[in-house]
Amino acid sequence: MSTRMEAFSRAVERLDEALALPVSDVVRDACIQRFEFSFELGWKAVQQAARNQGRDCVSPKSCLREAFALGWLEDENAWLVMLSDRNLTSHTYNEELAQAVYGRMRTHASLLKELNRTLSNIR
C-alpha cells in the first residue's frame, strides 16, 4: 500500500473516531477538520491509483470524474455535495455552515470509507 493510501486510511479512521464522540462544538469542528483532511487525502489517493492505471487527473473534481469513469465511485451527487462542503469549509468559517456540514458528516464518512475499501482492493 502506498504512503498516500496509508495516510488516507488513517485519516478516515480518525474521522470515524471523532464522529463517535459526544456532540459538542469542539467535536463538530474537529470532525469538519478531519473530514477536510480525509477528503484531500482521498482525492490524492484516487490520483495515485488512476496514475497506476495509466490515467491522469490533477484536481479534486477531475479525480472524482476519473474515479466515476473507472467505477470506483457510485453516487455522483453525494460526492459532488461532499466536494462542495469541502470547498466551503476549507475557505471560510460560518456557524450555520458548520452545523449543516456536520449534519452530512456521517454520509460523507461512509462514502470516504467505501472509497478507502475500493482503493485498497485495486492492484
N, C-alpha and C. Protein backbone atom coordinates (compact mmCIF):
# COMPACT_ATOMS: atom_id res chain seq x y z
N MET A 1 0.85 -1.17 0.00
CA MET A 1 0.00 0.00 0.00
C MET A 1 0.90 1.24 0.00
N SER A 2 0.56 2.21 -0.81
CA SER A 2 1.38 3.43 -0.91
C SER A 2 1.24 4.28 0.35
N THR A 3 2.19 5.16 0.54
CA THR A 3 2.15 6.09 1.67
C THR A 3 0.89 6.95 1.61
N ARG A 4 0.54 7.39 0.41
CA ARG A 4 -0.66 8.21 0.23
C ARG A 4 -1.91 7.44 0.65
N MET A 5 -1.97 6.19 0.27
CA MET A 5 -3.12 5.35 0.62
C MET A 5 -3.16 5.10 2.12
N GLU A 6 -2.00 4.86 2.72
CA GLU A 6 -1.94 4.65 4.17
C GLU A 6 -2.41 5.89 4.92
N ALA A 7 -1.99 7.05 4.45
CA ALA A 7 -2.41 8.31 5.09
C ALA A 7 -3.92 8.50 4.96
N PHE A 8 -4.46 8.17 3.80
CA PHE A 8 -5.91 8.26 3.59
C PHE A 8 -6.63 7.32 4.55
N SER A 9 -6.18 6.09 4.66
CA SER A 9 -6.81 5.12 5.56
C SER A 9 -6.80 5.62 7.00
N ARG A 10 -5.66 6.15 7.45
CA ARG A 10 -5.57 6.67 8.82
C ARG A 10 -6.49 7.86 9.02
N ALA A 11 -6.57 8.73 8.03
CA ALA A 11 -7.43 9.92 8.14
C ALA A 11 -8.90 9.51 8.27
N VAL A 12 -9.32 8.52 7.50
CA VAL A 12 -10.70 8.05 7.56
C VAL A 12 -10.98 7.43 8.93
N GLU A 13 -10.03 6.67 9.46
CA GLU A 13 -10.18 6.10 10.80
C GLU A 13 -10.31 7.20 11.84
N ARG A 14 -9.50 8.24 11.72
CA ARG A 14 -9.54 9.34 12.69
C ARG A 14 -10.85 10.13 12.59
N LEU A 15 -11.38 10.26 11.39
CA LEU A 15 -12.70 10.89 11.23
C LEU A 15 -13.75 10.06 11.94
N ASP A 16 -13.71 8.77 11.76
CA ASP A 16 -14.65 7.87 12.44
C ASP A 16 -14.55 8.00 13.96
N GLU A 17 -13.32 8.08 14.46
CA GLU A 17 -13.12 8.25 15.91
C GLU A 17 -13.79 9.52 16.40
N ALA A 18 -13.61 10.61 15.68
CA ALA A 18 -14.21 11.88 16.08
C ALA A 18 -15.73 11.82 16.02
N LEU A 19 -16.27 11.16 15.02
CA LEU A 19 -17.72 11.05 14.89
C LEU A 19 -18.34 10.21 16.00
N ALA A 20 -17.54 9.37 16.65
CA ALA A 20 -18.05 8.53 17.74
C ALA A 20 -18.14 9.27 19.07
N LEU A 21 -17.56 10.47 19.14
CA LEU A 21 -17.57 11.25 20.38
C LEU A 21 -18.90 11.96 20.57
N PRO A 22 -19.25 12.26 21.83
CA PRO A 22 -20.48 13.03 22.08
C PRO A 22 -20.40 14.39 21.40
N VAL A 23 -21.51 14.83 20.87
CA VAL A 23 -21.56 16.06 20.10
C VAL A 23 -21.31 17.28 21.00
N SER A 24 -20.44 18.12 20.52
CA SER A 24 -20.18 19.44 21.12
C SER A 24 -19.64 20.32 20.00
N ASP A 25 -19.51 21.60 20.27
CA ASP A 25 -18.95 22.49 19.25
C ASP A 25 -17.53 22.08 18.87
N VAL A 26 -16.75 21.69 19.86
CA VAL A 26 -15.37 21.29 19.61
C VAL A 26 -15.32 20.01 18.78
N VAL A 27 -16.16 19.05 19.11
CA VAL A 27 -16.20 17.79 18.34
C VAL A 27 -16.67 18.07 16.92
N ARG A 28 -17.68 18.89 16.78
CA ARG A 28 -18.17 19.24 15.43
C ARG A 28 -17.05 19.84 14.59
N ASP A 29 -16.34 20.79 15.17
CA ASP A 29 -15.26 21.44 14.44
C ASP A 29 -14.13 20.47 14.13
N ALA A 30 -13.83 19.58 15.07
CA ALA A 30 -12.80 18.56 14.84
C ALA A 30 -13.21 17.62 13.71
N CYS A 31 -14.48 17.24 13.70
CA CYS A 31 -14.97 16.36 12.63
C CYS A 31 -14.84 17.04 11.27
N ILE A 32 -15.18 18.32 11.21
CA ILE A 32 -15.07 19.04 9.95
C ILE A 32 -13.61 19.10 9.50
N GLN A 33 -12.71 19.37 10.42
CA GLN A 33 -11.29 19.42 10.07
C GLN A 33 -10.80 18.05 9.60
N ARG A 34 -11.18 17.01 10.30
CA ARG A 34 -10.77 15.66 9.90
C ARG A 34 -11.40 15.26 8.57
N PHE A 35 -12.61 15.72 8.33
CA PHE A 35 -13.25 15.49 7.03
C PHE A 35 -12.43 16.15 5.92
N GLU A 36 -12.01 17.40 6.14
CA GLU A 36 -11.21 18.10 5.13
C GLU A 36 -9.93 17.32 4.83
N PHE A 37 -9.25 16.85 5.87
CA PHE A 37 -8.03 16.05 5.66
C PHE A 37 -8.34 14.78 4.88
N SER A 38 -9.41 14.11 5.30
CA SER A 38 -9.78 12.84 4.66
C SER A 38 -10.11 13.04 3.19
N PHE A 39 -10.87 14.09 2.90
CA PHE A 39 -11.23 14.35 1.51
C PHE A 39 -9.98 14.64 0.68
N GLU A 40 -9.10 15.49 1.20
CA GLU A 40 -7.86 15.83 0.48
C GLU A 40 -7.03 14.58 0.20
N LEU A 41 -6.84 13.78 1.21
CA LEU A 41 -6.05 12.56 1.03
C LEU A 41 -6.78 11.57 0.12
N GLY A 42 -8.11 11.58 0.16
CA GLY A 42 -8.89 10.68 -0.69
C GLY A 42 -8.73 10.98 -2.17
N TRP A 43 -8.87 12.26 -2.54
CA TRP A 43 -8.73 12.55 -3.97
C TRP A 43 -7.30 12.34 -4.43
N LYS A 44 -6.34 12.57 -3.54
CA LYS A 44 -4.94 12.34 -3.91
C LYS A 44 -4.64 10.83 -4.02
N ALA A 45 -5.32 10.02 -3.22
CA ALA A 45 -5.18 8.56 -3.36
C ALA A 45 -5.80 8.11 -4.68
N VAL A 46 -6.92 8.70 -5.06
CA VAL A 46 -7.53 8.41 -6.37
C VAL A 46 -6.56 8.81 -7.47
N GLN A 47 -5.93 9.96 -7.34
CA GLN A 47 -4.97 10.42 -8.33
C GLN A 47 -3.86 9.39 -8.52
N GLN A 48 -3.31 8.91 -7.41
CA GLN A 48 -2.23 7.92 -7.48
C GLN A 48 -2.72 6.61 -8.10
N ALA A 49 -3.87 6.15 -7.67
CA ALA A 49 -4.42 4.89 -8.21
C ALA A 49 -4.72 5.03 -9.70
N ALA A 50 -5.24 6.18 -10.11
CA ALA A 50 -5.52 6.42 -11.54
C ALA A 50 -4.22 6.40 -12.33
N ARG A 51 -3.19 7.03 -11.81
CA ARG A 51 -1.88 7.01 -12.48
C ARG A 51 -1.35 5.59 -12.62
N ASN A 52 -1.58 4.79 -11.59
CA ASN A 52 -1.15 3.39 -11.65
C ASN A 52 -1.91 2.62 -12.73
N GLN A 53 -3.07 3.14 -13.11
CA GLN A 53 -3.89 2.53 -14.17
C GLN A 53 -3.61 3.18 -15.53
N GLY A 54 -2.63 4.08 -15.57
CA GLY A 54 -2.29 4.76 -16.81
C GLY A 54 -3.19 5.93 -17.14
N ARG A 55 -3.91 6.45 -16.14
CA ARG A 55 -4.81 7.58 -16.34
C ARG A 55 -4.31 8.73 -15.48
N ASP A 56 -4.80 9.93 -15.76
CA ASP A 56 -4.30 11.07 -15.02
C ASP A 56 -5.44 12.02 -14.65
N CYS A 57 -5.28 12.65 -13.51
CA CYS A 57 -6.18 13.70 -13.06
C CYS A 57 -5.37 14.63 -12.17
N VAL A 58 -5.75 15.89 -12.13
CA VAL A 58 -4.90 16.85 -11.44
C VAL A 58 -5.62 17.69 -10.38
N SER A 59 -6.92 17.54 -10.27
CA SER A 59 -7.68 18.33 -9.31
C SER A 59 -8.70 17.42 -8.63
N PRO A 60 -9.27 17.87 -7.52
CA PRO A 60 -10.29 17.04 -6.88
C PRO A 60 -11.43 16.66 -7.84
N LYS A 61 -11.94 17.64 -8.56
CA LYS A 61 -13.08 17.37 -9.46
C LYS A 61 -12.68 16.42 -10.59
N SER A 62 -11.52 16.64 -11.19
CA SER A 62 -11.10 15.74 -12.28
C SER A 62 -10.82 14.34 -11.75
N CYS A 63 -10.31 14.23 -10.54
CA CYS A 63 -10.06 12.90 -9.97
C CYS A 63 -11.38 12.20 -9.62
N LEU A 64 -12.38 12.96 -9.17
CA LEU A 64 -13.69 12.34 -8.94
C LEU A 64 -14.27 11.84 -10.26
N ARG A 65 -14.16 12.64 -11.30
CA ARG A 65 -14.64 12.21 -12.62
C ARG A 65 -13.95 10.92 -13.06
N GLU A 66 -12.64 10.87 -12.85
CA GLU A 66 -11.85 9.69 -13.23
C GLU A 66 -12.30 8.48 -12.41
N ALA A 67 -12.52 8.69 -11.12
CA ALA A 67 -12.96 7.59 -10.26
C ALA A 67 -14.34 7.07 -10.69
N PHE A 68 -15.24 7.95 -11.11
CA PHE A 68 -16.54 7.51 -11.64
C PHE A 68 -16.34 6.72 -12.92
N ALA A 69 -15.49 7.22 -13.80
CA ALA A 69 -15.24 6.55 -15.08
C ALA A 69 -14.66 5.15 -14.87
N LEU A 70 -13.85 5.01 -13.83
CA LEU A 70 -13.22 3.71 -13.54
C LEU A 70 -14.11 2.81 -12.68
N GLY A 71 -15.27 3.30 -12.28
CA GLY A 71 -16.20 2.51 -11.48
C GLY A 71 -15.84 2.43 -10.01
N TRP A 72 -15.00 3.34 -9.54
CA TRP A 72 -14.58 3.32 -8.13
C TRP A 72 -15.57 4.05 -7.23
N LEU A 73 -16.39 4.92 -7.80
CA LEU A 73 -17.40 5.67 -7.05
C LEU A 73 -18.74 5.45 -7.72
N GLU A 74 -19.81 5.53 -6.91
CA GLU A 74 -21.14 5.29 -7.46
C GLU A 74 -22.08 6.48 -7.38
N ASP A 75 -22.20 7.09 -6.25
CA ASP A 75 -23.21 8.13 -6.03
C ASP A 75 -22.63 9.51 -6.37
N GLU A 76 -22.72 9.88 -7.63
CA GLU A 76 -22.09 11.11 -8.10
C GLU A 76 -22.61 12.34 -7.34
N ASN A 77 -23.91 12.41 -7.15
CA ASN A 77 -24.48 13.57 -6.47
C ASN A 77 -23.93 13.70 -5.05
N ALA A 78 -23.84 12.61 -4.32
CA ALA A 78 -23.32 12.65 -2.95
C ALA A 78 -21.87 13.12 -2.93
N TRP A 79 -21.08 12.68 -3.90
CA TRP A 79 -19.68 13.11 -3.97
C TRP A 79 -19.55 14.58 -4.34
N LEU A 80 -20.45 15.07 -5.19
CA LEU A 80 -20.42 16.49 -5.54
C LEU A 80 -20.82 17.36 -4.35
N VAL A 81 -21.77 16.87 -3.54
CA VAL A 81 -22.12 17.57 -2.30
C VAL A 81 -20.91 17.60 -1.37
N MET A 82 -20.22 16.46 -1.28
CA MET A 82 -19.05 16.39 -0.42
C MET A 82 -17.97 17.36 -0.91
N LEU A 83 -17.73 17.39 -2.20
CA LEU A 83 -16.75 18.32 -2.77
C LEU A 83 -17.13 19.77 -2.44
N SER A 84 -18.39 20.09 -2.59
CA SER A 84 -18.87 21.43 -2.27
C SER A 84 -18.65 21.75 -0.79
N ASP A 85 -18.98 20.80 0.08
CA ASP A 85 -18.78 21.00 1.52
C ASP A 85 -17.31 21.22 1.83
N ARG A 86 -16.46 20.44 1.23
CA ARG A 86 -15.01 20.59 1.45
C ARG A 86 -14.55 21.97 0.99
N ASN A 87 -15.02 22.41 -0.17
CA ASN A 87 -14.62 23.73 -0.67
C ASN A 87 -15.11 24.84 0.25
N LEU A 88 -16.33 24.73 0.73
CA LEU A 88 -16.89 25.76 1.60
C LEU A 88 -16.19 25.80 2.96
N THR A 89 -15.96 24.66 3.54
CA THR A 89 -15.37 24.63 4.89
C THR A 89 -13.89 24.94 4.87
N SER A 90 -13.22 24.72 3.75
CA SER A 90 -11.79 24.99 3.67
C SER A 90 -11.49 26.47 3.60
N HIS A 91 -12.45 27.27 3.17
CA HIS A 91 -12.15 28.67 2.89
C HIS A 91 -12.86 29.67 3.80
N THR A 92 -13.77 29.21 4.62
CA THR A 92 -14.48 30.13 5.50
C THR A 92 -15.02 29.38 6.70
N TYR A 93 -15.30 30.11 7.75
CA TYR A 93 -15.98 29.50 8.89
C TYR A 93 -17.26 30.27 9.15
N ASN A 94 -18.33 29.54 9.20
CA ASN A 94 -19.65 30.11 9.45
C ASN A 94 -20.39 29.08 10.30
N GLU A 95 -20.97 29.52 11.38
CA GLU A 95 -21.64 28.61 12.33
C GLU A 95 -22.75 27.80 11.66
N GLU A 96 -23.58 28.46 10.87
CA GLU A 96 -24.68 27.75 10.19
C GLU A 96 -24.14 26.73 9.20
N LEU A 97 -23.12 27.11 8.47
CA LEU A 97 -22.49 26.19 7.52
C LEU A 97 -21.89 25.00 8.26
N ALA A 98 -21.21 25.26 9.37
CA ALA A 98 -20.61 24.18 10.15
C ALA A 98 -21.69 23.19 10.61
N GLN A 99 -22.81 23.69 11.08
CA GLN A 99 -23.91 22.82 11.51
C GLN A 99 -24.44 21.99 10.34
N ALA A 100 -24.62 22.62 9.20
CA ALA A 100 -25.15 21.92 8.03
C ALA A 100 -24.18 20.83 7.56
N VAL A 101 -22.91 21.16 7.47
CA VAL A 101 -21.91 20.18 7.03
C VAL A 101 -21.80 19.05 8.04
N TYR A 102 -21.79 19.37 9.31
CA TYR A 102 -21.74 18.33 10.33
C TYR A 102 -22.94 17.39 10.21
N GLY A 103 -24.08 17.92 9.83
CA GLY A 103 -25.27 17.10 9.64
C GLY A 103 -25.11 16.09 8.50
N ARG A 104 -24.22 16.37 7.57
CA ARG A 104 -23.96 15.45 6.45
C ARG A 104 -22.71 14.60 6.68
N MET A 105 -22.06 14.79 7.82
CA MET A 105 -20.76 14.19 8.05
C MET A 105 -20.77 12.66 8.05
N ARG A 106 -21.79 12.04 8.61
CA ARG A 106 -21.83 10.56 8.63
C ARG A 106 -21.95 10.00 7.20
N THR A 107 -22.72 10.67 6.37
CA THR A 107 -22.81 10.25 4.96
C THR A 107 -21.47 10.42 4.28
N HIS A 108 -20.83 11.55 4.50
CA HIS A 108 -19.51 11.79 3.92
C HIS A 108 -18.51 10.73 4.38
N ALA A 109 -18.52 10.45 5.68
CA ALA A 109 -17.58 9.46 6.23
C ALA A 109 -17.84 8.08 5.63
N SER A 110 -19.08 7.74 5.44
CA SER A 110 -19.43 6.45 4.83
C SER A 110 -18.89 6.35 3.41
N LEU A 111 -19.03 7.41 2.64
CA LEU A 111 -18.52 7.42 1.27
C LEU A 111 -17.00 7.34 1.25
N LEU A 112 -16.36 8.05 2.16
CA LEU A 112 -14.90 8.01 2.23
C LEU A 112 -14.41 6.61 2.63
N LYS A 113 -15.11 5.96 3.56
CA LYS A 113 -14.74 4.59 3.94
C LYS A 113 -14.90 3.63 2.77
N GLU A 114 -15.97 3.80 2.01
CA GLU A 114 -16.19 2.95 0.84
C GLU A 114 -15.09 3.16 -0.19
N LEU A 115 -14.70 4.41 -0.44
CA LEU A 115 -13.60 4.69 -1.35
C LEU A 115 -12.32 4.05 -0.84
N ASN A 116 -12.07 4.13 0.44
CA ASN A 116 -10.88 3.53 1.03
C ASN A 116 -10.86 2.02 0.78
N ARG A 117 -11.99 1.36 0.97
CA ARG A 117 -12.08 -0.09 0.71
C ARG A 117 -11.83 -0.39 -0.76
N THR A 118 -12.45 0.40 -1.62
CA THR A 118 -12.30 0.18 -3.06
C THR A 118 -10.85 0.34 -3.49
N LEU A 119 -10.22 1.43 -3.08
CA LEU A 119 -8.84 1.66 -3.48
C LEU A 119 -7.88 0.64 -2.88
N SER A 120 -8.20 0.15 -1.70
CA SER A 120 -7.36 -0.88 -1.06
C SER A 120 -7.36 -2.18 -1.85
N ASN A 121 -8.41 -2.42 -2.62
CA ASN A 121 -8.53 -3.65 -3.39
C ASN A 121 -8.02 -3.53 -4.82
N ILE A 122 -7.58 -2.35 -5.21
CA ILE A 122 -7.05 -2.14 -6.57
C ILE A 122 -5.57 -2.53 -6.59
N ARG A 123 -5.22 -3.29 -7.55
CA ARG A 123 -3.81 -3.71 -7.68
C ARG A 123 -3.15 -2.97 -8.80
